N, C-alpha and C. Protein backbone atom coordinates (compact mmCIF):
# COMPACT_ATOMS: atom_id res chain seq x y z
N MET A 1 9.87 3.56 14.91
CA MET A 1 9.40 4.83 14.47
C MET A 1 10.57 5.80 14.43
N ILE A 2 10.61 6.67 13.41
CA ILE A 2 11.61 7.70 13.31
C ILE A 2 10.98 8.99 13.85
N LEU A 3 11.56 9.55 14.88
CA LEU A 3 11.03 10.75 15.47
C LEU A 3 11.40 11.97 14.62
N ALA A 4 10.66 13.07 14.79
CA ALA A 4 10.85 14.26 13.99
C ALA A 4 12.28 14.79 14.05
N ASP A 5 12.86 14.81 15.23
CA ASP A 5 14.25 15.32 15.37
C ASP A 5 15.21 14.42 14.63
N GLU A 6 15.01 13.12 14.71
CA GLU A 6 15.89 12.17 13.98
C GLU A 6 15.72 12.36 12.48
N LEU A 7 14.51 12.51 12.04
CA LEU A 7 14.25 12.71 10.61
C LEU A 7 14.90 13.96 10.13
N ASN A 8 14.81 15.04 10.87
CA ASN A 8 15.42 16.30 10.48
C ASN A 8 16.95 16.13 10.37
N ARG A 9 17.54 15.44 11.34
CA ARG A 9 19.00 15.22 11.30
C ARG A 9 19.38 14.38 10.09
N LEU A 10 18.62 13.31 9.85
CA LEU A 10 19.00 12.36 8.77
C LEU A 10 18.83 12.95 7.37
N VAL A 11 18.01 13.95 7.22
CA VAL A 11 17.86 14.54 5.88
C VAL A 11 18.73 15.77 5.68
N THR A 12 19.49 16.13 6.72
CA THR A 12 20.36 17.32 6.62
C THR A 12 21.80 17.04 6.96
N LEU A 13 22.25 15.78 6.82
CA LEU A 13 23.65 15.46 7.08
C LEU A 13 24.54 16.26 6.14
N ASP A 14 25.65 16.76 6.66
CA ASP A 14 26.61 17.45 5.79
C ASP A 14 27.73 16.49 5.39
N ARG A 15 28.65 16.97 4.60
CA ARG A 15 29.71 16.10 4.06
C ARG A 15 30.61 15.54 5.17
N TYR A 16 30.79 16.32 6.24
CA TYR A 16 31.64 15.86 7.35
C TYR A 16 30.91 14.80 8.18
N GLU A 17 29.68 15.02 8.46
CA GLU A 17 28.89 14.02 9.25
C GLU A 17 28.80 12.72 8.47
N LEU A 18 28.54 12.79 7.16
CA LEU A 18 28.44 11.59 6.37
C LEU A 18 29.77 10.83 6.32
N SER A 19 30.89 11.56 6.20
CA SER A 19 32.19 10.93 6.23
C SER A 19 32.46 10.24 7.56
N ASN A 20 32.02 10.87 8.68
CA ASN A 20 32.22 10.25 9.99
C ASN A 20 31.37 9.01 10.17
N ILE A 21 30.14 9.01 9.67
CA ILE A 21 29.28 7.83 9.77
C ILE A 21 29.91 6.69 8.97
N LEU A 22 30.41 7.00 7.78
CA LEU A 22 31.07 5.98 6.95
C LEU A 22 32.32 5.43 7.66
N ALA A 23 33.09 6.31 8.29
CA ALA A 23 34.29 5.86 9.02
C ALA A 23 33.92 4.93 10.16
N ASP A 24 32.85 5.27 10.87
CA ASP A 24 32.37 4.39 11.95
C ASP A 24 31.85 3.06 11.42
N SER A 25 31.47 3.05 10.12
CA SER A 25 30.96 1.85 9.49
C SER A 25 32.04 1.03 8.81
N GLY A 26 33.34 1.51 8.91
CA GLY A 26 34.44 0.75 8.36
C GLY A 26 35.03 1.30 7.06
N TYR A 27 34.49 2.41 6.56
CA TYR A 27 35.00 3.02 5.35
C TYR A 27 35.80 4.28 5.72
N THR A 28 37.06 4.05 6.02
CA THR A 28 37.90 5.16 6.49
C THR A 28 38.48 5.95 5.29
N GLY A 29 38.82 7.18 5.54
CA GLY A 29 39.49 8.00 4.54
C GLY A 29 38.58 8.59 3.50
N MET A 30 37.28 8.57 3.69
CA MET A 30 36.37 9.12 2.71
C MET A 30 36.24 10.63 2.91
N SER A 31 36.31 11.37 1.79
CA SER A 31 36.18 12.81 1.84
C SER A 31 35.30 13.24 0.66
N PHE A 32 34.29 14.01 0.96
CA PHE A 32 33.37 14.44 -0.11
C PHE A 32 33.47 15.92 -0.38
N ASN A 33 33.28 16.29 -1.62
CA ASN A 33 33.19 17.70 -2.00
C ASN A 33 31.83 18.25 -1.65
N SER A 34 30.80 17.41 -1.87
CA SER A 34 29.45 17.84 -1.56
C SER A 34 28.55 16.61 -1.38
N VAL A 35 27.46 16.79 -0.63
CA VAL A 35 26.47 15.74 -0.47
C VAL A 35 25.10 16.36 -0.62
N LYS A 36 24.17 15.57 -1.12
CA LYS A 36 22.80 16.04 -1.30
C LYS A 36 21.83 14.91 -0.95
N PHE A 37 20.92 15.19 -0.07
CA PHE A 37 19.88 14.19 0.27
C PHE A 37 18.99 13.97 -0.90
N LEU A 38 18.78 12.68 -1.28
CA LEU A 38 17.94 12.34 -2.42
C LEU A 38 16.56 11.89 -2.01
N GLY A 39 16.47 11.06 -0.95
CA GLY A 39 15.16 10.54 -0.54
C GLY A 39 15.33 9.35 0.37
N ILE A 40 14.19 8.71 0.66
CA ILE A 40 14.13 7.58 1.55
C ILE A 40 13.62 6.40 0.76
N SER A 41 14.33 5.27 0.83
CA SER A 41 13.94 4.07 0.09
C SER A 41 12.73 3.41 0.77
N ASN A 42 12.18 2.39 0.11
CA ASN A 42 11.07 1.65 0.69
C ASN A 42 11.44 0.93 1.97
N SER A 43 12.76 0.68 2.15
CA SER A 43 13.24 -0.05 3.35
C SER A 43 13.71 0.96 4.40
N ASN A 44 13.28 2.24 4.30
CA ASN A 44 13.62 3.29 5.27
C ASN A 44 15.10 3.60 5.34
N THR A 45 15.80 3.44 4.24
CA THR A 45 17.21 3.82 4.12
C THR A 45 17.30 5.20 3.50
N PHE A 46 18.09 6.08 4.10
CA PHE A 46 18.25 7.43 3.61
C PHE A 46 19.36 7.48 2.56
N CYS A 47 19.07 8.01 1.41
CA CYS A 47 19.99 7.98 0.28
C CYS A 47 20.53 9.38 0.02
N TYR A 48 21.85 9.46 -0.12
CA TYR A 48 22.55 10.69 -0.45
C TYR A 48 23.36 10.54 -1.73
N SER A 49 23.35 11.57 -2.53
CA SER A 49 24.24 11.68 -3.67
C SER A 49 25.50 12.37 -3.16
N VAL A 50 26.67 11.82 -3.49
CA VAL A 50 27.93 12.39 -3.06
C VAL A 50 28.82 12.70 -4.22
N LYS A 51 29.60 13.74 -4.11
CA LYS A 51 30.60 14.11 -5.13
C LYS A 51 31.96 14.10 -4.45
N PHE A 52 32.95 13.52 -5.14
CA PHE A 52 34.30 13.39 -4.59
C PHE A 52 35.30 13.34 -5.73
N PHE A 53 36.55 13.64 -5.43
CA PHE A 53 37.61 13.52 -6.43
C PHE A 53 38.06 12.08 -6.48
N ASP A 54 38.28 11.57 -7.68
CA ASP A 54 38.79 10.20 -7.79
C ASP A 54 40.21 10.12 -7.26
N GLU A 55 40.70 8.92 -7.04
CA GLU A 55 42.02 8.75 -6.40
C GLU A 55 43.15 9.37 -7.17
N SER A 56 43.03 9.45 -8.50
CA SER A 56 44.09 10.06 -9.30
C SER A 56 44.04 11.57 -9.23
N GLY A 57 42.95 12.15 -8.72
CA GLY A 57 42.83 13.57 -8.60
C GLY A 57 42.51 14.27 -9.90
N GLU A 58 42.16 13.49 -10.94
CA GLU A 58 41.93 14.09 -12.26
C GLU A 58 40.53 14.60 -12.47
N GLY A 59 39.56 14.16 -11.69
CA GLY A 59 38.23 14.62 -11.93
C GLY A 59 37.30 14.29 -10.77
N GLU A 60 36.13 14.91 -10.84
CA GLU A 60 35.12 14.68 -9.82
C GLU A 60 34.20 13.53 -10.23
N GLU A 61 33.90 12.68 -9.28
CA GLU A 61 32.99 11.55 -9.52
C GLU A 61 31.80 11.70 -8.61
N THR A 62 30.73 10.98 -8.95
CA THR A 62 29.55 10.97 -8.13
C THR A 62 29.22 9.53 -7.69
N GLY A 63 28.52 9.41 -6.62
CA GLY A 63 28.11 8.12 -6.12
C GLY A 63 26.93 8.29 -5.17
N LYS A 64 26.53 7.18 -4.57
CA LYS A 64 25.43 7.22 -3.60
C LYS A 64 25.88 6.57 -2.29
N VAL A 65 25.42 7.16 -1.19
CA VAL A 65 25.68 6.59 0.13
C VAL A 65 24.31 6.38 0.79
N PHE A 66 24.16 5.24 1.42
CA PHE A 66 22.91 4.84 2.06
C PHE A 66 23.10 4.81 3.58
N VAL A 67 22.25 5.49 4.30
CA VAL A 67 22.37 5.61 5.74
C VAL A 67 21.10 5.04 6.40
N ASN A 68 21.32 4.23 7.46
CA ASN A 68 20.20 3.78 8.29
C ASN A 68 20.66 3.51 9.70
N LYS A 69 19.77 3.08 10.54
CA LYS A 69 20.11 2.76 11.94
C LYS A 69 20.23 1.27 12.07
N ASN A 70 21.26 0.85 12.83
CA ASN A 70 21.43 -0.59 13.07
C ASN A 70 20.58 -1.02 14.25
N THR A 71 20.75 -2.24 14.65
CA THR A 71 19.88 -2.77 15.72
C THR A 71 20.10 -2.12 17.09
N THR A 72 21.25 -1.48 17.26
CA THR A 72 21.51 -0.77 18.52
C THR A 72 21.15 0.71 18.44
N GLY A 73 20.64 1.14 17.31
CA GLY A 73 20.22 2.53 17.17
C GLY A 73 21.29 3.46 16.63
N GLU A 74 22.48 2.94 16.32
CA GLU A 74 23.54 3.76 15.76
C GLU A 74 23.37 3.93 14.27
N LEU A 75 23.82 5.09 13.76
CA LEU A 75 23.78 5.30 12.31
C LEU A 75 24.90 4.58 11.64
N VAL A 76 24.58 3.88 10.56
CA VAL A 76 25.56 3.14 9.76
C VAL A 76 25.36 3.55 8.29
N ALA A 77 26.41 3.45 7.50
CA ALA A 77 26.34 3.85 6.14
C ALA A 77 27.07 2.83 5.25
N ASP A 78 26.67 2.82 3.97
CA ASP A 78 27.25 1.90 3.00
C ASP A 78 27.09 2.53 1.64
N PHE A 79 27.85 2.01 0.69
CA PHE A 79 27.76 2.48 -0.71
C PHE A 79 26.79 1.65 -1.48
């Protein structure tokens, strides 16, 4: 079960928190211009839309990051 406090936290992650969760999940060096919570999938994964500058620095790109809890209760993220 996802408790109310956990739910509130998971739907209000900011760009720094999301970057840190990704870093803890093995995706280091990620930096976002903005993040927006989109919704929860059928498998209880929290989906965020992210905006970031591409590696060449020429433009802003968008993508999705998926956040959930692993078997030990820690937050993990993936693209």
